[in-house]
Amino acid sequence: MGDHDNQDDLTTALAIIQQQMQTQQQYMLQMQQTIQNQQHAQEAAEKAAREERDDLAGKVDQLLKGNQSQVFIMAEAAPEKSAGDLAFDAEISRDDQQEVSYVNGQG
């Protein structure tokens, strides 16, 4: 009976080892699935971030183009003169006229 008991112990130990191996395989498969899910989530987040960045870059380009035309319009438009500028221009014009009159012998 000693050999039979020993064989039963070995069979029981082998069954336990097989069960532990199956449990470990299932755990490894679950871990692989978790890693794949995390990778897919990371890829999706990166794709969404790229799309958002590209969308924002497009909006910035549109704003720059819109503002660029406004800058050109402002640069082309003659600046309005203040009352002080107009008075100064009138004084210079009067001085110029007096010089012209003096040169022509009328002043």
C-alpha atoms as a PDB file:
ATOM      1  CA  MET A   1       0.000   0.000   0.000  1.00  0.00           C
ATOM      2  CA  GLY A   2       2.917   2.310   0.467  1.00  0.00           C
ATOM      3  CA  ASP A   3       3.465   2.576  -3.261  1.00  0.00           C
ATOM      4  CA  HIS A   4      -0.201   3.162  -3.840  1.00  0.00           C
ATOM      5  CA  ASP A   5      -0.304   5.995  -1.288  1.00  0.00           C
ATOM      6  CA  ASN A   6       2.794   7.523  -2.820  1.00  0.00           C
ATOM      7  CA  GLN A   7       1.232   7.335  -6.298  1.00  0.00           C
ATOM      8  CA  ASP A   8      -1.955   8.951  -4.973  1.00  0.00           C
ATOM      9  CA  ASP A   9       0.111  11.770  -3.455  1.00  0.00           C
ATOM     10  CA  LEU A  10       1.925  12.301  -6.737  1.00  0.00           C
ATOM     11  CA  THR A  11      -1.350  12.293  -8.675  1.00  0.00           C
ATOM     12  CA  THR A  12      -2.845  14.822  -6.261  1.00  0.00           C
ATOM     13  CA  ALA A  13       0.276  17.008  -6.465  1.00  0.00           C
ATOM     14  CA  LEU A  14       0.213  16.804 -10.270  1.00  0.00           C
ATOM     15  CA  ALA A  15      -3.464  17.818 -10.345  1.00  0.00           C
ATOM     16  CA  ILE A  16      -2.722  20.795  -8.062  1.00  0.00           C
ATOM     17  CA  ILE A  17       0.212  21.846 -10.260  1.00  0.00           C
ATOM     18  CA  GLN A  18      -1.938  21.584 -13.394  1.00  0.00           C
ATOM     19  CA  GLN A  19      -4.675  23.648 -11.773  1.00  0.00           C
ATOM     20  CA  GLN A  20      -2.130  26.288 -10.712  1.00  0.00           C
ATOM     21  CA  MET A  21      -0.725  26.381 -14.259  1.00  0.00           C
ATOM     22  CA  GLN A  22      -4.196  26.878 -15.705  1.00  0.00           C
ATOM     23  CA  THR A  23      -4.863  29.651 -13.200  1.00  0.00           C
ATOM     24  CA  GLN A  24      -1.545  31.306 -14.113  1.00  0.00           C
ATOM     25  CA  GLN A  25      -2.327  30.995 -17.840  1.00  0.00           C
ATOM     26  CA  GLN A  26      -5.717  32.613 -17.309  1.00  0.00           C
ATOM     27  CA  TYR A  27      -4.096  35.382 -15.280  1.00  0.00           C
ATOM     28  CA  MET A  28      -1.512  35.929 -18.034  1.00  0.00           C
ATOM     29  CA  LEU A  29      -4.247  36.103 -20.677  1.00  0.00           C
ATOM     30  CA  GLN A  30      -6.144  38.629 -18.575  1.00  0.00           C
ATOM     31  CA  MET A  31      -2.978  40.700 -18.163  1.00  0.00           C
ATOM     32  CA  GLN A  32      -2.336  40.569 -21.924  1.00  0.00           C
ATOM     33  CA  GLN A  33      -5.907  41.704 -22.573  1.00  0.00           C
ATOM     34  CA  THR A  34      -5.530  44.518 -20.035  1.00  0.00           C
ATOM     35  CA  ILE A  35      -2.289  45.641 -21.681  1.00  0.00           C
ATOM     36  CA  GLN A  36      -3.914  45.568 -25.127  1.00  0.00           C
ATOM     37  CA  ASN A  37      -6.874  47.576 -23.832  1.00  0.00           C
ATOM     38  CA  GLN A  38      -4.524  50.139 -22.290  1.00  0.00           C
ATOM     39  CA  GLN A  39      -2.553  50.363 -25.537  1.00  0.00           C
ATOM     40  CA  HIS A  40      -5.758  50.904 -27.529  1.00  0.00           C
ATOM     41  CA  ALA A  41      -6.906  53.552 -25.049  1.00  0.00           C
ATOM     42  CA  GLN A  42      -3.497  55.270 -25.257  1.00  0.00           C
ATOM     43  CA  GLU A  43      -3.584  55.209 -29.065  1.00  0.00           C
ATOM     44  CA  ALA A  44      -7.112  56.634 -29.063  1.00  0.00           C
ATOM     45  CA  ALA A  45      -6.088  59.394 -26.637  1.00  0.00           C
ATOM     46  CA  GLU A  46      -3.039  60.237 -28.761  1.00  0.00           C
ATOM     47  CA  LYS A  47      -5.177  60.320 -31.906  1.00  0.00           C
ATOM     48  CA  ALA A  48      -7.714  62.594 -30.212  1.00  0.00           C
ATOM     49  CA  ALA A  49      -4.903  64.880 -29.002  1.00  0.00           C
ATOM     50  CA  ARG A  50      -3.434  65.046 -32.539  1.00  0.00           C
ATOM     51  CA  GLU A  51      -6.841  65.840 -34.017  1.00  0.00           C
ATOM     52  CA  GLU A  52      -7.449  68.544 -31.398  1.00  0.00           C
ATOM     53  CA  ARG A  53      -3.989  70.024 -32.006  1.00  0.00           C
ATOM     54  CA  ASP A  54      -4.548  70.018 -35.766  1.00  0.00           C
ATOM     55  CA  ASP A  55      -7.990  71.590 -35.310  1.00  0.00           C
ATOM     56  CA  LEU A  56      -6.560  74.321 -33.089  1.00  0.00           C
ATOM     57  CA  ALA A  57      -3.702  74.928 -35.528  1.00  0.00           C
ATOM     58  CA  GLY A  58      -6.252  75.353 -38.317  1.00  0.00           C
ATOM     59  CA  LYS A  59      -8.232  77.820 -36.232  1.00  0.00           C
ATOM     60  CA  VAL A  60      -5.083  79.789 -35.424  1.00  0.00           C
ATOM     61  CA  ASP A  61      -4.218  79.911 -39.126  1.00  0.00           C
ATOM     62  CA  GLN A  62      -7.698  81.203 -39.924  1.00  0.00           C
ATOM     63  CA  LEU A  63      -7.421  83.862 -37.235  1.00  0.00           C
ATOM     64  CA  LEU A  64      -3.999  84.909 -38.457  1.00  0.00           C
ATOM     65  CA  LYS A  65      -5.227  85.148 -42.037  1.00  0.00           C
ATOM     66  CA  GLY A  66      -8.260  87.170 -40.935  1.00  0.00           C
ATOM     67  CA  ASN A  67      -6.165  89.497 -38.801  1.00  0.00           C
ATOM     68  CA  GLN A  68      -3.554  89.801 -41.539  1.00  0.00           C
ATOM     69  CA  SER A  69      -6.107  91.328 -43.901  1.00  0.00           C
ATOM     70  CA  GLN A  70      -7.175  93.727 -41.150  1.00  0.00           C
ATOM     71  CA  VAL A  71      -3.548  94.708 -40.579  1.00  0.00           C
ATOM     72  CA  PHE A  72      -3.089  95.382 -44.292  1.00  0.00           C
ATOM     73  CA  ILE A  73      -6.254  97.481 -44.364  1.00  0.00           C
ATOM     74  CA  MET A  74      -5.046  99.504 -41.379  1.00  0.00           C
ATOM     75  CA  ALA A  75      -1.592  99.923 -42.912  1.00  0.00           C
ATOM     76  CA  GLU A  76      -3.038 101.141 -46.209  1.00  0.00           C
ATOM     77  CA  ALA A  77      -5.477 103.583 -44.636  1.00  0.00           C
ATOM     78  CA  ALA A  78      -4.154 107.103 -44.086  1.00  0.00           C
ATOM     79  CA  PRO A  79      -4.012 107.960 -40.418  1.00  0.00           C
ATOM     80  CA  GLU A  80      -6.383 110.664 -39.298  1.00  0.00           C
ATOM     81  CA  LYS A  81      -4.661 113.869 -38.222  1.00  0.00           C
ATOM     82  CA  SER A  82      -5.326 115.392 -34.857  1.00  0.00           C
ATOM     83  CA  ALA A  83      -6.200 119.044 -34.329  1.00  0.00           C
ATOM     84  CA  GLY A  84      -2.604 119.703 -33.272  1.00  0.00           C
ATOM     85  CA  ASP A  85      -1.278 118.096 -36.447  1.00  0.00           C
ATOM     86  CA  LEU A  86      -3.633 120.199 -38.565  1.00  0.00           C
ATOM     87  CA  ALA A  87      -2.566 123.416 -36.784  1.00  0.00           C
ATOM     88  CA  PHE A  88       1.092 122.519 -37.276  1.00  0.00           C
ATOM     89  CA  ASP A  89       0.525 121.812 -40.986  1.00  0.00           C
ATOM     90  CA  ALA A  90      -1.278 125.180 -41.354  1.00  0.00           C
ATOM     91  CA  GLU A  91       1.629 127.001 -39.678  1.00  0.00           C
ATOM     92  CA  ILE A  92       4.180 125.336 -41.922  1.00  0.00           C
ATOM     93  CA  SER A  93       2.059 126.124 -44.961  1.00  0.00           C
ATOM     94  CA  ARG A  94       1.897 129.814 -43.917  1.00  0.00           C
ATOM     95  CA  ASP A  95       5.662 129.887 -43.348  1.00  0.00           C
ATOM     96  CA  ASP A  96       6.239 128.285 -46.738  1.00  0.00           C
ATOM     97  CA  GLN A  97       3.959 130.851 -48.378  1.00  0.00           C
ATOM     98  CA  GLN A  98       5.873 133.722 -46.719  1.00  0.00           C
ATOM     99  CA  GLU A  99       9.167 132.314 -47.980  1.00  0.00           C
ATOM    100  CA  VAL A 100       7.775 132.003 -51.496  1.00  0.00           C
ATOM    101  CA  SER A 101       6.480 135.592 -51.336  1.00  0.00           C
ATOM    102  CA  TYR A 102       9.880 136.874 -50.111  1.00  0.00           C
ATOM    103  CA  VAL A 103      11.716 135.034 -52.884  1.00  0.00           C
ATOM    104  CA  ASN A 104       9.292 136.467 -55.463  1.00  0.00           C
ATOM    105  CA  GLY A 105       9.852 139.948 -54.071  1.00  0.00           C
ATOM    106  CA  GLN A 106       6.344 140.306 -52.705  1.00  0.00           C
ATOM    107  CA  GLY A 107       7.120 140.053 -49.029  1.00  0.00           C
END
